[in-house]
Amino acid sequence: LTKDGSYYLLQNYIEGYVDGLSLI
């Protein structure tokens, strides 16, 4: 994550990761 590291940045990262798992 970037230095900002806010909750919403982590939320977006985890959602993207989970969406990637969904595609696979």
PDB file of all heavy atoms in Angstrom:
ATOM      1  N   LEU A   1       0.835  -1.208   0.000  1.00  0.00           N
ATOM      2  CA  LEU A   1       0.000   0.000   0.000  1.00  0.00           C
ATOM      3  C   LEU A   1       0.868   1.254   0.000  1.00  0.00           C
ATOM      4  O   LEU A   1       2.031   1.216   0.383  1.00  0.00           O
ATOM      5  CB  LEU A   1      -0.911  -0.009   1.233  1.00  0.00           C
ATOM      6  CG  LEU A   1      -1.779  -1.254   1.413  1.00  0.00           C
ATOM      7  CD1 LEU A   1      -2.486  -1.219   2.754  1.00  0.00           C
ATOM      8  CD2 LEU A   1      -2.768  -1.391   0.273  1.00  0.00           C
ATOM      9  N   THR A   2       0.279   2.367  -0.368  1.00  0.00           N
ATOM     10  CA  THR A   2       1.009   3.635  -0.342  1.00  0.00           C
ATOM     11  C   THR A   2       1.123   4.142   1.097  1.00  0.00           C
ATOM     12  O   THR A   2       0.470   3.626   2.006  1.00  0.00           O
ATOM     13  CB  THR A   2       0.288   4.694  -1.190  1.00  0.00           C
ATOM     14  OG1 THR A   2      -0.997   4.938  -0.625  1.00  0.00           O
ATOM     15  CG2 THR A   2       0.151   4.260  -2.623  1.00  0.00           C
ATOM     16  N   LYS A   3       1.898   5.164   1.262  1.00  0.00           N
ATOM     17  CA  LYS A   3       2.128   5.725   2.595  1.00  0.00           C
ATOM     18  C   LYS A   3       0.836   6.186   3.258  1.00  0.00           C
ATOM     19  O   LYS A   3       0.701   6.125   4.465  1.00  0.00           O
ATOM     20  CB  LYS A   3       3.119   6.883   2.500  1.00  0.00           C
ATOM     21  CG  LYS A   3       3.637   7.332   3.829  1.00  0.00           C
ATOM     22  CD  LYS A   3       4.737   8.347   3.676  1.00  0.00           C
ATOM     23  CE  LYS A   3       5.284   8.715   5.036  1.00  0.00           C
ATOM     24  NZ  LYS A   3       6.396   9.631   4.951  1.00  0.00           N
ATOM     25  N   ASP A   4      -0.120   6.646   2.459  1.00  0.00           N
ATOM     26  CA  ASP A   4      -1.438   7.071   2.961  1.00  0.00           C
ATOM     27  C   ASP A   4      -2.000   5.972   3.864  1.00  0.00           C
ATOM     28  O   ASP A   4      -2.331   6.210   5.010  1.00  0.00           O
ATOM     29  CB  ASP A   4      -2.350   7.368   1.772  1.00  0.00           C
ATOM     30  CG  ASP A   4      -3.826   7.417   2.125  1.00  0.00           C
ATOM     31  OD1 ASP A   4      -4.236   6.859   3.156  1.00  0.00           O
ATOM     32  OD2 ASP A   4      -4.579   8.002   1.365  1.00  0.00           O
ATOM     33  N   GLY A   5      -2.100   4.769   3.342  1.00  0.00           N
ATOM     34  CA  GLY A   5      -2.490   3.606   4.119  1.00  0.00           C
ATOM     35  C   GLY A   5      -3.812   3.706   4.849  1.00  0.00           C
ATOM     36  O   GLY A   5      -3.985   3.109   5.895  1.00  0.00           O
ATOM     37  N   SER A   6      -4.776   4.454   4.332  1.00  0.00           N
ATOM     38  CA  SER A   6      -6.066   4.601   5.000  1.00  0.00           C
ATOM     39  C   SER A   6      -6.866   3.304   4.971  1.00  0.00           C
ATOM     40  O   SER A   6      -6.548   2.380   4.219  1.00  0.00           O
ATOM     41  CB  SER A   6      -6.886   5.705   4.325  1.00  0.00           C
ATOM     42  OG  SER A   6      -7.312   5.275   3.041  1.00  0.00           O
ATOM     43  N   TYR A   7      -7.904   3.267   5.784  1.00  0.00           N
ATOM     44  CA  TYR A   7      -8.801   2.105   5.793  1.00  0.00           C
ATOM     45  C   TYR A   7      -9.342   1.855   4.394  1.00  0.00           C
ATOM     46  O   TYR A   7      -9.388   0.727   3.928  1.00  0.00           O
ATOM     47  CB  TYR A   7      -9.974   2.316   6.766  1.00  0.00           C
ATOM     48  CG  TYR A   7     -10.983   1.188   6.661  1.00  0.00           C
ATOM     49  CD1 TYR A   7     -10.775  -0.002   7.337  1.00  0.00           C
ATOM     50  CD2 TYR A   7     -12.103   1.301   5.847  1.00  0.00           C
ATOM     51  CE1 TYR A   7     -11.663  -1.060   7.205  1.00  0.00           C
ATOM     52  CE2 TYR A   7     -12.998   0.250   5.714  1.00  0.00           C
ATOM     53  CZ  TYR A   7     -12.774  -0.927   6.396  1.00  0.00           C
ATOM     54  OH  TYR A   7     -13.645  -1.972   6.252  1.00  0.00           O
ATOM     55  N   TYR A   8      -9.740   2.928   3.704  1.00  0.00           N
ATOM     56  CA  TYR A   8     -10.379   2.769   2.398  1.00  0.00           C
ATOM     57  C   TYR A   8      -9.405   2.264   1.341  1.00  0.00           C
ATOM     58  O   TYR A   8      -9.799   1.540   0.435  1.00  0.00           O
ATOM     59  CB  TYR A   8     -11.079   4.067   1.989  1.00  0.00           C
ATOM     60  CG  TYR A   8     -12.202   4.349   2.954  1.00  0.00           C
ATOM     61  CD1 TYR A   8     -12.072   5.292   3.961  1.00  0.00           C
ATOM     62  CD2 TYR A   8     -13.374   3.590   2.916  1.00  0.00           C
ATOM     63  CE1 TYR A   8     -13.092   5.506   4.883  1.00  0.00           C
ATOM     64  CE2 TYR A   8     -14.394   3.797   3.830  1.00  0.00           C
ATOM     65  CZ  TYR A   8     -14.244   4.746   4.816  1.00  0.00           C
ATOM     66  OH  TYR A   8     -15.252   4.932   5.736  1.00  0.00           O
ATOM     67  N   LEU A   9      -8.141   2.583   1.474  1.00  0.00           N
ATOM     68  CA  LEU A   9      -7.133   2.042   0.568  1.00  0.00           C
ATOM     69  C   LEU A   9      -6.990   0.537   0.796  1.00  0.00           C
ATOM     70  O   LEU A   9      -6.962  -0.250  -0.157  1.00  0.00           O
ATOM     71  CB  LEU A   9      -5.795   2.754   0.781  1.00  0.00           C
ATOM     72  CG  LEU A   9      -4.662   2.332  -0.132  1.00  0.00           C
ATOM     73  CD1 LEU A   9      -4.996   2.677  -1.582  1.00  0.00           C
ATOM     74  CD2 LEU A   9      -3.373   3.015   0.281  1.00  0.00           C
ATOM     75  N   LEU A  10      -6.919   0.132   2.057  1.00  0.00           N
ATOM     76  CA  LEU A  10      -6.838  -1.288   2.382  1.00  0.00           C
ATOM     77  C   LEU A  10      -8.112  -2.006   1.936  1.00  0.00           C
ATOM     78  O   LEU A  10      -8.061  -3.106   1.389  1.00  0.00           O
ATOM     79  CB  LEU A  10      -6.616  -1.488   3.880  1.00  0.00           C
ATOM     80  CG  LEU A  10      -6.513  -2.941   4.350  1.00  0.00           C
ATOM     81  CD1 LEU A  10      -5.342  -3.661   3.691  1.00  0.00           C
ATOM     82  CD2 LEU A  10      -6.392  -2.997   5.869  1.00  0.00           C
ATOM     83  N   GLN A  11      -9.261  -1.385   2.145  1.00  0.00           N
ATOM     84  CA  GLN A  11     -10.536  -1.959   1.713  1.00  0.00           C
ATOM     85  C   GLN A  11     -10.505  -2.221   0.207  1.00  0.00           C
ATOM     86  O   GLN A  11     -10.856  -3.319  -0.240  1.00  0.00           O
ATOM     87  CB  GLN A  11     -11.672  -1.004   2.051  1.00  0.00           C
ATOM     88  CG  GLN A  11     -13.010  -1.436   1.489  1.00  0.00           C
ATOM     89  CD  GLN A  11     -14.103  -0.377   1.687  1.00  0.00           C
ATOM     90  OE1 GLN A  11     -13.893   0.649   2.323  1.00  0.00           O
ATOM     91  NE2 GLN A  11     -15.255  -0.630   1.129  1.00  0.00           N
ATOM     92  N   ASN A  12     -10.093  -1.237  -0.574  1.00  0.00           N
ATOM     93  CA  ASN A  12     -10.035  -1.398  -2.025  1.00  0.00           C
ATOM     94  C   ASN A  12      -9.056  -2.482  -2.434  1.00  0.00           C
ATOM     95  O   ASN A  12      -9.324  -3.255  -3.353  1.00  0.00           O
ATOM     96  CB  ASN A  12      -9.670  -0.079  -2.704  1.00  0.00           C
ATOM     97  CG  ASN A  12     -10.810   0.906  -2.671  1.00  0.00           C
ATOM     98  OD1 ASN A  12     -11.973   0.535  -2.599  1.00  0.00           O
ATOM     99  ND2 ASN A  12     -10.476   2.182  -2.719  1.00  0.00           N
ATOM    100  N   TYR A  13      -7.919  -2.550  -1.751  1.00  0.00           N
ATOM    101  CA  TYR A  13      -6.931  -3.581  -2.070  1.00  0.00           C
ATOM    102  C   TYR A  13      -7.514  -4.974  -1.815  1.00  0.00           C
ATOM    103  O   TYR A  13      -7.421  -5.863  -2.664  1.00  0.00           O
ATOM    104  CB  TYR A  13      -5.642  -3.384  -1.264  1.00  0.00           C
ATOM    105  CG  TYR A  13      -4.629  -4.431  -1.627  1.00  0.00           C
ATOM    106  CD1 TYR A  13      -3.809  -4.261  -2.740  1.00  0.00           C
ATOM    107  CD2 TYR A  13      -4.540  -5.612  -0.906  1.00  0.00           C
ATOM    108  CE1 TYR A  13      -2.912  -5.246  -3.113  1.00  0.00           C
ATOM    109  CE2 TYR A  13      -3.640  -6.600  -1.276  1.00  0.00           C
ATOM    110  CZ  TYR A  13      -2.837  -6.422  -2.378  1.00  0.00           C
ATOM    111  OH  TYR A  13      -1.961  -7.399  -2.750  1.00  0.00           O
ATOM    112  N   ILE A  14      -8.119  -5.166  -0.644  1.00  0.00           N
ATOM    113  CA  ILE A  14      -8.670  -6.472  -0.304  1.00  0.00           C
ATOM    114  C   ILE A  14      -9.821  -6.845  -1.240  1.00  0.00           C
ATOM    115  O   ILE A  14      -9.921  -7.992  -1.688  1.00  0.00           O
ATOM    116  CB  ILE A  14      -9.096  -6.527   1.181  1.00  0.00           C
ATOM    117  CG1 ILE A  14      -7.828  -6.556   2.046  1.00  0.00           C
ATOM    118  CG2 ILE A  14      -9.991  -7.726   1.465  1.00  0.00           C
ATOM    119  CD1 ILE A  14      -8.052  -6.559   3.520  1.00  0.00           C
ATOM    120  N   GLU A  15     -10.675  -5.883  -1.567  1.00  0.00           N
ATOM    121  CA  GLU A  15     -11.760  -6.171  -2.509  1.00  0.00           C
ATOM    122  C   GLU A  15     -11.200  -6.589  -3.869  1.00  0.00           C
ATOM    123  O   GLU A  15     -11.700  -7.522  -4.496  1.00  0.00           O
ATOM    124  CB  GLU A  15     -12.666  -4.960  -2.667  1.00  0.00           C
ATOM    125  CG  GLU A  15     -13.552  -4.712  -1.467  1.00  0.00           C
ATOM    126  CD  GLU A  15     -14.365  -3.432  -1.571  1.00  0.00           C
ATOM    127  OE1 GLU A  15     -14.190  -2.671  -2.562  1.00  0.00           O
ATOM    128  OE2 GLU A  15     -15.168  -3.178  -0.670  1.00  0.00           O
ATOM    129  N   GLY A  16     -10.154  -5.912  -4.331  1.00  0.00           N
ATOM    130  CA  GLY A  16      -9.532  -6.277  -5.605  1.00  0.00           C
ATOM    131  C   GLY A  16      -8.901  -7.656  -5.552  1.00  0.00           C
ATOM    132  O   GLY A  16      -9.000  -8.435  -6.505  1.00  0.00           O
ATOM    133  N   TYR A  17      -8.256  -7.964  -4.439  1.00  0.00           N
ATOM    134  CA  TYR A  17      -7.645  -9.287  -4.261  1.00  0.00           C
ATOM    135  C   TYR A  17      -8.715 -10.375  -4.302  1.00  0.00           C
ATOM    136  O   TYR A  17      -8.577 -11.376  -5.000  1.00  0.00           O
ATOM    137  CB  TYR A  17      -6.876  -9.318  -2.934  1.00  0.00           C
ATOM    138  CG  TYR A  17      -6.142 -10.602  -2.696  1.00  0.00           C
ATOM    139  CD1 TYR A  17      -4.922 -10.841  -3.298  1.00  0.00           C
ATOM    140  CD2 TYR A  17      -6.667 -11.578  -1.845  1.00  0.00           C
ATOM    141  CE1 TYR A  17      -4.234 -12.029  -3.080  1.00  0.00           C
ATOM    142  CE2 TYR A  17      -5.988 -12.768  -1.623  1.00  0.00           C
ATOM    143  CZ  TYR A  17      -4.769 -12.983  -2.240  1.00  0.00           C
ATOM    144  OH  TYR A  17      -4.097 -14.160  -2.029  1.00  0.00           O
ATOM    145  N   VAL A  18      -9.798 -10.151  -3.568  1.00  0.00           N
ATOM    146  CA  VAL A  18     -10.896 -11.121  -3.524  1.00  0.00           C
ATOM    147  C   VAL A  18     -11.566 -11.234  -4.894  1.00  0.00           C
ATOM    148  O   VAL A  18     -11.924 -12.327  -5.325  1.00  0.00           O
ATOM    149  CB  VAL A  18     -11.904 -10.747  -2.410  1.00  0.00           C
ATOM    150  CG1 VAL A  18     -13.174 -11.563  -2.508  1.00  0.00           C
ATOM    151  CG2 VAL A  18     -11.255 -10.940  -1.034  1.00  0.00           C
ATOM    152  N   ASP A  19     -11.704 -10.110  -5.589  1.00  0.00           N
ATOM    153  CA  ASP A  19     -12.264 -10.157  -6.947  1.00  0.00           C
ATOM    154  C   ASP A  19     -11.365 -10.971  -7.878  1.00  0.00           C
ATOM    155  O   ASP A  19     -11.858 -11.687  -8.754  1.00  0.00           O
ATOM    156  CB  ASP A  19     -12.467  -8.750  -7.506  1.00  0.00           C
ATOM    157  CG  ASP A  19     -13.628  -8.028  -6.851  1.00  0.00           C
ATOM    158  OD1 ASP A  19     -14.436  -8.666  -6.136  1.00  0.00           O
ATOM    159  OD2 ASP A  19     -13.736  -6.796  -7.045  1.00  0.00           O
ATOM    160  N   GLY A  20     -10.062 -10.862  -7.712  1.00  0.00           N
ATOM    161  CA  GLY A  20      -9.128 -11.677  -8.496  1.00  0.00           C
ATOM    162  C   GLY A  20      -9.318 -13.153  -8.217  1.00  0.00           C
ATOM    163  O   GLY A  20      -9.323 -13.981  -9.144  1.00  0.00           O
ATOM    164  N   LEU A  21      -9.498 -13.504  -6.941  1.00  0.00           N
ATOM    165  CA  LEU A  21      -9.776 -14.900  -6.596  1.00  0.00           C
ATOM    166  C   LEU A  21     -11.081 -15.353  -7.251  1.00  0.00           C
ATOM    167  O   LEU A  21     -11.186 -16.478  -7.738  1.00  0.00           O
ATOM    168  CB  LEU A  21      -9.866 -15.073  -5.072  1.00  0.00           C
ATOM    169  CG  LEU A  21      -8.591 -14.843  -4.269  1.00  0.00           C
ATOM    170  CD1 LEU A  21      -8.883 -14.926  -2.772  1.00  0.00           C
ATOM    171  CD2 LEU A  21      -7.515 -15.846  -4.657  1.00  0.00           C
ATOM    172  N   SER A  22     -12.066 -14.468  -7.267  1.00  0.00           N
ATOM    173  CA  SER A  22     -13.360 -14.786  -7.887  1.00  0.00           C
ATOM    174  C   SER A  22     -13.201 -15.108  -9.363  1.00  0.00           C
ATOM    175  O   SER A  22     -13.817 -16.054  -9.866  1.00  0.00           O
ATOM    176  CB  SER A  22     -14.337 -13.612  -7.732  1.00  0.00           C
ATOM    177  OG  SER A  22     -14.634 -13.380  -6.382  1.00  0.00           O
ATOM    178  N   LEU A  23     -12.397 -14.335 -10.053  1.00  0.00           N
ATOM    179  CA  LEU A  23     -12.183 -14.572 -11.479  1.00  0.00           C
ATOM    180  C   LEU A  23     -11.515 -15.919 -11.721  1.00  0.00           C
ATOM    181  O   LEU A  23     -11.885 -16.653 -12.629  1.00  0.00           O
ATOM    182  CB  LEU A  23     -11.334 -13.458 -12.089  1.00  0.00           C
ATOM    183  CG  LEU A  23     -12.027 -12.125 -12.278  1.00  0.00           C
ATOM    184  CD1 LEU A  23     -11.019 -11.059 -12.695  1.00  0.00           C
ATOM    185  CD2 LEU A  23     -13.139 -12.243 -13.308  1.00  0.00           C
ATOM    186  N   ILE A  24     -10.540 -16.237 -10.896  1.00  0.00           N
ATOM    187  CA  ILE A  24      -9.833 -17.505 -11.045  1.00  0.00           C
ATOM    188  C   ILE A  24     -10.753 -18.684 -10.755  1.00  0.00           C
ATOM    189  O   ILE A  24     -10.738 -19.687 -11.459  1.00  0.00           O
ATOM    190  CB  ILE A  24      -8.599 -17.550 -10.108  1.00  0.00           C
ATOM    191  CG1 ILE A  24      -7.547 -16.542 -10.569  1.00  0.00           C
ATOM    192  CG2 ILE A  24      -8.011 -18.942 -10.036  1.00  0.00           C
ATOM    193  CD1 ILE A  24      -6.454 -16.285  -9.570  1.00  0.00           C
TER     194      ILE A  24
END
